[in-house]
């Protein structure tokens, strides 16, 4: 798995339907509409958060053959030593371990930045697949919190060793 950063320029370009910014040889044919929609959502999020590299969204590219299988990233910049991650496997590629790989890539990226002491994530309650992904990487469930859009959600945390 490798991540391709959705910089503000790349996100805006993809949101317009221009795939010329996708790395050469990477297949997006099965998920063009999803890539456009996710790029548009990231573009809007960047306008609100002012996010900059490395705290961006990324296209998740699986190997053999190289193809976009999902999107993942950070929900804003690192603040007070914590960064929040999110990931989404596109439906045609679910159930193949891509969410685990995406999460591992985000953890690796976060560990490269000393200011990140903790990663956070949120899942819908009883979302066993999402919970297993986070548990696989050592996240602990802290409890339930109220989200303005999703209602009750579970909060997760992974403490990064210095």
N, C-alpha and C. Protein backbone atom coordinates (compact mmCIF):
# COMPACT_ATOMS: atom_id res chain seq x y z
N UNK A 1 0.85 -1.18 0.00
CA UNK A 1 0.00 0.00 0.00
C UNK A 1 0.89 1.23 0.00
N UNK A 2 0.54 2.17 -0.84
CA UNK A 2 1.21 3.47 -0.77
C UNK A 2 0.15 4.55 -0.80
N UNK A 3 0.50 5.69 -0.24
CA UNK A 3 -0.43 6.81 -0.17
C UNK A 3 0.00 7.91 -1.13
N UNK A 4 -0.96 8.47 -1.83
CA UNK A 4 -0.73 9.59 -2.74
C UNK A 4 -1.45 10.80 -2.16
N UNK A 5 -0.69 11.82 -1.72
CA UNK A 5 -1.31 12.97 -1.05
C UNK A 5 -2.30 13.73 -1.93
N UNK A 6 -3.43 14.04 -1.34
CA UNK A 6 -4.43 14.88 -1.99
C UNK A 6 -4.17 16.32 -1.56
N UNK A 7 -3.15 16.93 -2.15
CA UNK A 7 -2.88 18.33 -1.85
C UNK A 7 -4.09 19.15 -2.27
N UNK A 8 -4.21 20.39 -1.81
CA UNK A 8 -5.34 21.21 -2.25
C UNK A 8 -5.45 21.31 -3.78
N UNK A 9 -4.32 21.43 -4.47
CA UNK A 9 -4.35 21.52 -5.94
C UNK A 9 -4.80 20.19 -6.55
N UNK A 10 -4.25 19.09 -6.06
CA UNK A 10 -4.63 17.77 -6.58
C UNK A 10 -6.11 17.50 -6.30
N UNK A 11 -6.57 17.81 -5.09
CA UNK A 11 -7.98 17.58 -4.75
C UNK A 11 -8.90 18.40 -5.66
N UNK A 12 -8.56 19.65 -5.90
CA UNK A 12 -9.39 20.50 -6.77
C UNK A 12 -9.40 19.96 -8.20
N UNK A 13 -8.25 19.50 -8.67
CA UNK A 13 -8.15 18.96 -10.03
C UNK A 13 -8.99 17.70 -10.18
N UNK A 14 -8.87 16.78 -9.22
CA UNK A 14 -9.66 15.54 -9.27
C UNK A 14 -11.15 15.82 -9.12
N UNK A 15 -11.50 16.77 -8.28
CA UNK A 15 -12.92 17.10 -8.08
C UNK A 15 -13.56 17.59 -9.38
N UNK A 16 -12.76 18.20 -10.24
CA UNK A 16 -13.25 18.65 -11.55
C UNK A 16 -13.34 17.50 -12.57
N UNK A 17 -12.86 16.33 -12.17
CA UNK A 17 -12.88 15.19 -13.08
C UNK A 17 -11.64 15.02 -13.91
N UNK A 18 -10.62 15.81 -13.65
CA UNK A 18 -9.36 15.73 -14.38
C UNK A 18 -8.46 14.72 -13.68
N UNK A 19 -8.28 13.57 -14.29
CA UNK A 19 -7.49 12.49 -13.69
C UNK A 19 -6.02 12.55 -14.04
N UNK A 20 -5.59 13.60 -14.71
CA UNK A 20 -4.19 13.70 -15.15
C UNK A 20 -3.22 13.76 -13.98
N UNK A 21 -3.70 14.07 -12.78
CA UNK A 21 -2.81 14.17 -11.62
C UNK A 21 -2.61 12.83 -10.91
N UNK A 22 -3.37 11.81 -11.31
CA UNK A 22 -3.19 10.48 -10.74
C UNK A 22 -1.86 9.94 -11.26
N UNK A 23 -1.05 9.32 -10.39
CA UNK A 23 0.24 8.79 -10.85
C UNK A 23 0.07 7.86 -12.05
N UNK A 24 1.01 7.93 -13.00
CA UNK A 24 0.94 7.08 -14.19
C UNK A 24 0.86 5.60 -13.82
N UNK A 25 0.02 4.88 -14.52
CA UNK A 25 -0.10 3.44 -14.30
C UNK A 25 -1.05 3.04 -13.19
N UNK A 26 -1.61 4.00 -12.46
CA UNK A 26 -2.54 3.68 -11.37
C UNK A 26 -3.96 3.67 -11.92
N UNK A 27 -4.65 2.56 -11.72
CA UNK A 27 -6.00 2.37 -12.24
C UNK A 27 -7.05 2.98 -11.30
N UNK A 28 -7.92 3.80 -11.85
CA UNK A 28 -9.04 4.37 -11.07
C UNK A 28 -10.38 4.07 -11.74
N UNK A 29 -10.37 3.23 -12.79
CA UNK A 29 -11.57 3.06 -13.61
C UNK A 29 -12.79 2.60 -12.82
N UNK A 30 -12.64 1.74 -11.83
CA UNK A 30 -13.79 1.22 -11.09
C UNK A 30 -14.32 2.21 -10.06
N UNK A 31 -13.54 3.27 -9.77
CA UNK A 31 -13.93 4.16 -8.66
C UNK A 31 -13.83 5.64 -9.03
N UNK A 32 -13.94 5.96 -10.30
CA UNK A 32 -13.78 7.36 -10.74
C UNK A 32 -14.72 8.29 -9.99
N UNK A 33 -15.99 7.92 -9.90
CA UNK A 33 -16.96 8.80 -9.24
C UNK A 33 -16.65 8.96 -7.75
N UNK A 34 -16.21 7.89 -7.11
CA UNK A 34 -15.83 7.97 -5.69
C UNK A 34 -14.60 8.85 -5.49
N UNK A 35 -13.63 8.72 -6.38
CA UNK A 35 -12.42 9.55 -6.29
C UNK A 35 -12.80 11.02 -6.45
N UNK A 36 -13.64 11.33 -7.41
CA UNK A 36 -14.08 12.72 -7.60
C UNK A 36 -14.80 13.24 -6.36
N UNK A 37 -15.72 12.44 -5.82
CA UNK A 37 -16.48 12.87 -4.65
C UNK A 37 -15.58 13.07 -3.44
N UNK A 38 -14.67 12.14 -3.21
CA UNK A 38 -13.76 12.25 -2.06
C UNK A 38 -12.83 13.44 -2.23
N UNK A 39 -12.35 13.67 -3.43
CA UNK A 39 -11.47 14.82 -3.68
C UNK A 39 -12.22 16.12 -3.42
N UNK A 40 -13.48 16.18 -3.85
CA UNK A 40 -14.28 17.37 -3.59
C UNK A 40 -14.51 17.60 -2.11
N UNK A 41 -14.76 16.52 -1.37
CA UNK A 41 -14.96 16.64 0.08
C UNK A 41 -13.68 17.11 0.77
N UNK A 42 -12.54 16.59 0.33
CA UNK A 42 -11.27 17.03 0.92
C UNK A 42 -10.99 18.49 0.59
N UNK A 43 -11.29 18.89 -0.63
CA UNK A 43 -11.09 20.29 -1.02
C UNK A 43 -11.88 21.21 -0.08
N UNK A 44 -13.12 20.86 0.18
CA UNK A 44 -13.96 21.66 1.08
C UNK A 44 -13.41 21.64 2.51
N UNK A 45 -12.95 20.47 2.97
CA UNK A 45 -12.39 20.36 4.31
C UNK A 45 -11.15 21.24 4.45
N UNK A 46 -10.30 21.26 3.43
CA UNK A 46 -9.09 22.09 3.49
C UNK A 46 -9.45 23.57 3.60
N UNK A 47 -10.52 23.98 2.93
CA UNK A 47 -10.94 25.38 3.02
C UNK A 47 -11.35 25.74 4.44
N UNK A 48 -11.93 24.78 5.16
CA UNK A 48 -12.36 25.02 6.54
C UNK A 48 -11.20 24.90 7.52
N UNK A 49 -10.38 23.86 7.35
CA UNK A 49 -9.33 23.58 8.34
C UNK A 49 -8.00 24.26 8.03
N UNK A 50 -7.78 24.63 6.78
CA UNK A 50 -6.48 25.19 6.40
C UNK A 50 -5.37 24.16 6.47
N UNK A 51 -5.72 22.89 6.38
CA UNK A 51 -4.74 21.81 6.51
C UNK A 51 -3.62 21.93 5.48
N UNK A 52 -2.43 21.57 5.91
CA UNK A 52 -1.26 21.55 5.04
C UNK A 52 -0.55 20.22 5.23
N UNK A 53 0.36 19.90 4.32
CA UNK A 53 1.12 18.65 4.41
C UNK A 53 1.85 18.59 5.74
N UNK A 54 1.91 17.43 6.36
CA UNK A 54 1.42 16.13 5.91
C UNK A 54 -0.01 15.83 6.35
N UNK A 55 -0.71 16.80 6.93
CA UNK A 55 -2.02 16.56 7.54
C UNK A 55 -3.14 16.64 6.51
N UNK A 56 -3.01 15.86 5.46
CA UNK A 56 -3.92 15.88 4.33
C UNK A 56 -4.59 14.52 4.16
N UNK A 57 -5.52 14.47 3.21
CA UNK A 57 -6.07 13.20 2.78
C UNK A 57 -5.15 12.58 1.75
N UNK A 58 -5.31 11.29 1.54
CA UNK A 58 -4.47 10.56 0.59
C UNK A 58 -5.32 9.53 -0.15
N UNK A 59 -5.02 9.34 -1.42
CA UNK A 59 -5.55 8.20 -2.14
C UNK A 59 -4.74 7.00 -1.71
N UNK A 60 -5.42 5.89 -1.43
CA UNK A 60 -4.74 4.66 -1.05
C UNK A 60 -4.57 3.81 -2.31
N UNK A 61 -3.33 3.48 -2.61
CA UNK A 61 -3.01 2.75 -3.84
C UNK A 61 -2.47 1.38 -3.46
N UNK A 62 -3.23 0.34 -3.85
CA UNK A 62 -2.80 -1.03 -3.59
C UNK A 62 -1.91 -1.50 -4.74
N UNK A 63 -0.99 -2.41 -4.46
CA UNK A 63 -0.09 -2.91 -5.51
C UNK A 63 -0.68 -4.08 -6.30
N UNK A 64 -0.04 -4.38 -7.39
CA UNK A 64 -0.25 -5.62 -8.16
C UNK A 64 -1.68 -5.93 -8.56
N UNK A 65 -2.30 -5.28 -9.47
CA UNK A 65 -1.85 -4.07 -10.16
C UNK A 65 -2.15 -2.84 -9.32
N UNK A 66 -1.42 -1.78 -9.60
CA UNK A 66 -1.64 -0.55 -8.84
C UNK A 66 -3.01 0.02 -9.17
N UNK A 67 -3.80 0.20 -8.11
CA UNK A 67 -5.15 0.76 -8.29
C UNK A 67 -5.56 1.48 -7.01
N UNK A 68 -6.40 2.49 -7.17
CA UNK A 68 -6.91 3.23 -6.02
C UNK A 68 -8.01 2.39 -5.38
N UNK A 69 -7.85 2.10 -4.08
CA UNK A 69 -8.80 1.24 -3.36
C UNK A 69 -9.53 1.97 -2.25
N UNK A 70 -9.12 3.21 -1.96
CA UNK A 70 -9.78 3.95 -0.89
C UNK A 70 -9.13 5.29 -0.69
N UNK A 71 -9.52 5.92 0.39
CA UNK A 71 -8.98 7.22 0.76
C UNK A 71 -8.80 7.22 2.27
N UNK A 72 -7.76 7.91 2.72
CA UNK A 72 -7.51 7.99 4.16
C UNK A 72 -6.77 9.29 4.44
N UNK A 73 -6.66 9.62 5.70
CA UNK A 73 -5.91 10.82 6.01
C UNK A 73 -6.16 11.33 7.41
N UNK A 74 -5.77 12.56 7.58
CA UNK A 74 -5.88 13.24 8.87
C UNK A 74 -7.01 14.25 8.78
N UNK A 75 -7.78 14.36 9.85
CA UNK A 75 -8.90 15.30 9.88
C UNK A 75 -8.44 16.61 10.49
N UNK A 76 -7.49 17.24 9.82
CA UNK A 76 -6.94 18.49 10.31
C UNK A 76 -5.52 18.30 10.81
N UNK A 77 -4.92 19.38 11.23
CA UNK A 77 -3.53 19.37 11.69
C UNK A 77 -3.40 18.77 13.08
N UNK A 78 -2.17 18.43 13.44
CA UNK A 78 -1.87 17.97 14.79
C UNK A 78 -2.07 19.14 15.74
N UNK A 79 -2.84 18.91 16.80
CA UNK A 79 -3.08 19.94 17.81
C UNK A 79 -2.89 19.33 19.19
N UNK A 80 -2.16 20.04 20.02
CA UNK A 80 -1.92 19.59 21.40
C UNK A 80 -1.40 18.15 21.44
N UNK A 81 -0.56 17.82 20.47
CA UNK A 81 0.06 16.50 20.44
C UNK A 81 -0.79 15.39 19.86
N UNK A 82 -1.98 15.72 19.36
CA UNK A 82 -2.89 14.68 18.85
C UNK A 82 -3.32 14.98 17.42
N UNK A 83 -3.46 13.93 16.65
CA UNK A 83 -3.98 14.01 15.28
C UNK A 83 -5.06 12.95 15.14
N UNK A 84 -6.11 13.29 14.39
CA UNK A 84 -7.20 12.34 14.17
C UNK A 84 -7.09 11.76 12.77
N UNK A 85 -7.28 10.44 12.69
CA UNK A 85 -7.23 9.77 11.39
C UNK A 85 -8.62 9.31 10.97
N UNK A 86 -8.76 9.09 9.68
CA UNK A 86 -9.98 8.53 9.10
C UNK A 86 -9.58 7.72 7.87
N UNK A 87 -10.38 6.72 7.54
CA UNK A 87 -10.09 5.89 6.38
C UNK A 87 -11.39 5.36 5.82
N UNK A 88 -11.40 5.12 4.52
CA UNK A 88 -12.58 4.60 3.84
C UNK A 88 -12.13 3.74 2.68
N UNK A 89 -12.49 2.47 2.72
CA UNK A 89 -12.21 1.56 1.61
C UNK A 89 -13.38 1.64 0.64
N UNK A 90 -13.10 1.83 -0.63
CA UNK A 90 -14.16 1.90 -1.63
C UNK A 90 -14.84 0.53 -1.73
N UNK A 91 -16.18 0.50 -1.85
CA UNK A 91 -16.94 -0.75 -1.80
C UNK A 91 -16.41 -1.90 -2.67
N UNK A 92 -15.95 -1.66 -3.91
CA UNK A 92 -15.47 -2.81 -4.68
C UNK A 92 -14.26 -3.52 -4.07
N UNK A 93 -13.61 -2.89 -3.10
CA UNK A 93 -12.36 -3.44 -2.56
C UNK A 93 -12.45 -3.77 -1.07
N UNK A 94 -13.65 -3.75 -0.50
CA UNK A 94 -13.81 -4.04 0.93
C UNK A 94 -13.48 -5.49 1.24
N UNK A 95 -13.11 -5.72 2.49
CA UNK A 95 -12.87 -7.08 2.96
C UNK A 95 -11.57 -7.70 2.51
N UNK A 96 -10.62 -6.88 2.08
CA UNK A 96 -9.34 -7.40 1.59
C UNK A 96 -8.15 -6.88 2.39
N UNK A 97 -8.42 -6.27 3.55
CA UNK A 97 -7.33 -5.78 4.39
C UNK A 97 -6.81 -4.40 4.06
N UNK A 98 -7.47 -3.71 3.15
CA UNK A 98 -6.98 -2.38 2.76
C UNK A 98 -7.10 -1.36 3.89
N UNK A 99 -8.16 -1.44 4.69
CA UNK A 99 -8.31 -0.49 5.80
C UNK A 99 -7.18 -0.67 6.81
N UNK A 100 -6.80 -1.90 7.07
CA UNK A 100 -5.67 -2.17 7.97
C UNK A 100 -4.40 -1.57 7.39
N UNK A 101 -4.18 -1.75 6.10
CA UNK A 101 -2.97 -1.20 5.46
C UNK A 101 -2.98 0.32 5.47
N UNK A 102 -4.13 0.94 5.16
CA UNK A 102 -4.21 2.41 5.17
C UNK A 102 -3.90 2.95 6.56
N UNK A 103 -4.50 2.33 7.57
CA UNK A 103 -4.28 2.78 8.94
C UNK A 103 -2.81 2.64 9.32
N UNK A 104 -2.19 1.55 8.92
CA UNK A 104 -0.76 1.37 9.18
C UNK A 104 0.08 2.45 8.52
N UNK A 105 -0.27 2.82 7.30
CA UNK A 105 0.46 3.90 6.61
C UNK A 105 0.30 5.23 7.35
N UNK A 106 -0.90 5.52 7.83
CA UNK A 106 -1.12 6.77 8.56
C UNK A 106 -0.35 6.78 9.88
N UNK A 107 -0.31 5.65 10.56
CA UNK A 107 0.46 5.56 11.80
C UNK A 107 1.93 5.81 11.51
N UNK A 108 2.44 5.19 10.47
CA UNK A 108 3.84 5.38 10.07
C UNK A 108 4.13 6.85 9.77
N UNK A 109 3.24 7.48 9.05
CA UNK A 109 3.40 8.90 8.71
C UNK A 109 3.39 9.76 9.98
N UNK A 110 2.48 9.47 10.89
CA UNK A 110 2.39 10.24 12.13
C UNK A 110 3.65 10.06 12.99
N UNK A 111 4.17 8.84 13.03
CA UNK A 111 5.37 8.58 13.84
C UNK A 111 6.58 9.37 13.35
N UNK A 112 6.56 9.79 12.10
CA UNK A 112 7.67 10.56 11.54
C UNK A 112 7.66 12.02 12.01
N UNK A 113 6.64 12.39 12.77
CA UNK A 113 6.50 13.77 13.25
C UNK A 113 6.44 13.75 14.77
N UNK A 114 7.53 14.23 15.38
CA UNK A 114 7.70 14.15 16.83
C UNK A 114 6.58 14.83 17.61
N UNK A 115 5.91 15.81 17.00
CA UNK A 115 4.86 16.51 17.73
C UNK A 115 3.62 15.65 17.96
N UNK A 116 3.49 14.55 17.22
CA UNK A 116 2.33 13.67 17.38
C UNK A 116 2.62 12.66 18.49
N UNK A 117 1.92 12.80 19.57
CA UNK A 117 2.07 11.88 20.70
C UNK A 117 0.92 10.88 20.76
N UNK A 118 -0.16 11.21 20.06
CA UNK A 118 -1.35 10.36 20.13
C UNK A 118 -2.15 10.50 18.84
N UNK A 119 -2.68 9.36 18.39
CA UNK A 119 -3.61 9.37 17.27
C UNK A 119 -5.00 9.07 17.81
N UNK A 120 -5.99 9.69 17.21
CA UNK A 120 -7.38 9.47 17.59
C UNK A 120 -8.16 9.02 16.37
N UNK A 121 -9.25 8.32 16.63
CA UNK A 121 -10.16 7.90 15.57
C UNK A 121 -11.55 7.78 16.18
N UNK A 122 -12.54 7.81 15.33
CA UNK A 122 -13.92 7.63 15.77
C UNK A 122 -14.59 6.64 14.83
N UNK A 123 -15.45 5.80 15.40
CA UNK A 123 -16.23 4.85 14.61
C UNK A 123 -17.67 4.88 15.10
N UNK A 124 -18.55 4.41 14.25
CA UNK A 124 -19.93 4.22 14.68
C UNK A 124 -19.94 3.08 15.69
N UNK A 125 -20.80 3.16 16.71
CA UNK A 125 -20.86 2.09 17.70
C UNK A 125 -21.17 0.74 17.04
N UNK A 126 -20.53 -0.26 17.53
CA UNK A 126 -20.76 -1.64 17.09
C UNK A 126 -20.39 -1.87 15.63
N UNK A 127 -19.56 -0.99 15.07
CA UNK A 127 -19.03 -1.19 13.73
C UNK A 127 -17.84 -2.14 13.87
N UNK A 128 -18.12 -3.43 13.82
CA UNK A 128 -17.09 -4.41 14.15
C UNK A 128 -15.90 -4.38 13.20
N UNK A 129 -16.14 -4.15 11.91
CA UNK A 129 -15.01 -4.08 10.98
C UNK A 129 -14.08 -2.93 11.33
N UNK A 130 -14.66 -1.74 11.53
CA UNK A 130 -13.84 -0.57 11.86
C UNK A 130 -13.13 -0.77 13.19
N UNK A 131 -13.82 -1.35 14.16
CA UNK A 131 -13.21 -1.60 15.47
C UNK A 131 -12.04 -2.57 15.34
N UNK A 132 -12.20 -3.61 14.54
CA UNK A 132 -11.11 -4.59 14.36
C UNK A 132 -9.88 -3.95 13.73
N UNK A 133 -10.10 -3.04 12.78
CA UNK A 133 -8.97 -2.34 12.15
C UNK A 133 -8.17 -1.59 13.21
N UNK A 134 -8.86 -0.83 14.03
CA UNK A 134 -8.18 -0.03 15.06
C UNK A 134 -7.55 -0.92 16.12
N UNK A 135 -8.27 -1.95 16.56
CA UNK A 135 -7.71 -2.87 17.56
C UNK A 135 -6.46 -3.57 17.03
N UNK A 136 -6.47 -3.90 15.75
CA UNK A 136 -5.31 -4.54 15.12
C UNK A 136 -4.05 -3.70 15.31
N UNK A 137 -4.20 -2.40 15.29
CA UNK A 137 -3.06 -1.49 15.42
C UNK A 137 -2.84 -1.00 16.85
N UNK A 138 -3.57 -1.56 17.81
CA UNK A 138 -3.33 -1.22 19.21
C UNK A 138 -4.11 -0.03 19.74
N UNK A 139 -5.08 0.47 18.99
CA UNK A 139 -5.93 1.54 19.51
C UNK A 139 -6.78 0.99 20.66
N UNK A 140 -7.07 1.84 21.62
CA UNK A 140 -7.97 1.46 22.70
C UNK A 140 -9.23 2.31 22.62
N UNK A 141 -10.37 1.66 22.89
CA UNK A 141 -11.64 2.38 22.87
C UNK A 141 -11.80 3.11 24.19
N UNK A 142 -12.02 4.42 24.10
CA UNK A 142 -12.12 5.25 25.30
C UNK A 142 -13.55 5.41 25.79
N UNK A 143 -14.50 5.21 24.92
CA UNK A 143 -15.90 5.37 25.31
C UNK A 143 -16.71 5.98 24.19
N UNK A 144 -17.90 6.42 24.55
CA UNK A 144 -18.83 6.99 23.58
C UNK A 144 -18.89 8.50 23.74
N UNK A 145 -18.92 9.20 22.61
CA UNK A 145 -19.07 10.66 22.61
C UNK A 145 -20.20 11.01 21.64
N UNK A 146 -20.71 12.21 21.76
CA UNK A 146 -21.78 12.69 20.89
C UNK A 146 -21.19 13.48 19.73
N UNK A 147 -21.57 13.12 18.51
CA UNK A 147 -21.13 13.82 17.31
C UNK A 147 -22.34 14.52 16.70
N UNK A 148 -22.16 15.77 16.27
CA UNK A 148 -23.28 16.54 15.75
C UNK A 148 -23.88 15.93 14.48
N UNK A 149 -23.08 15.21 13.70
CA UNK A 149 -23.58 14.61 12.46
C UNK A 149 -23.99 13.16 12.62
N UNK A 150 -23.21 12.40 13.40
CA UNK A 150 -23.43 10.95 13.48
C UNK A 150 -24.08 10.48 14.77
N UNK A 151 -24.34 11.36 15.70
CA UNK A 151 -24.92 10.94 16.98
C UNK A 151 -23.85 10.33 17.87
N UNK A 152 -24.21 9.24 18.54
CA UNK A 152 -23.25 8.56 19.43
C UNK A 152 -22.20 7.83 18.60
N UNK A 153 -20.94 8.09 18.91
CA UNK A 153 -19.83 7.41 18.23
C UNK A 153 -18.82 6.97 19.28
N UNK A 154 -18.00 5.99 18.90
CA UNK A 154 -16.93 5.53 19.78
C UNK A 154 -15.67 6.33 19.51
N UNK A 155 -14.98 6.70 20.58
CA UNK A 155 -13.70 7.40 20.47
C UNK A 155 -12.58 6.40 20.75
N UNK A 156 -11.53 6.47 19.93
CA UNK A 156 -10.38 5.57 20.03
C UNK A 156 -9.10 6.38 20.16
N UNK A 157 -8.09 5.76 20.79
CA UNK A 157 -6.80 6.44 20.96
C UNK A 157 -5.66 5.43 20.83
N UNK A 158 -4.59 5.90 20.18
CA UNK A 158 -3.33 5.16 20.12
C UNK A 158 -2.24 6.09 20.60
N UNK A 159 -1.59 5.72 21.69
CA UNK A 159 -0.48 6.52 22.20
C UNK A 159 0.78 6.10 21.46
N UNK A 160 1.47 7.09 20.89
CA UNK A 160 2.70 6.81 20.15
C UNK A 160 3.88 6.95 21.09
N UNK A 161 4.71 5.94 21.11
CA UNK A 161 5.90 5.97 21.97
C UNK A 161 6.88 7.00 21.42
N UNK A 162 7.57 7.72 22.31
CA UNK A 162 8.54 8.72 21.85
C UNK A 162 9.72 8.09 21.14
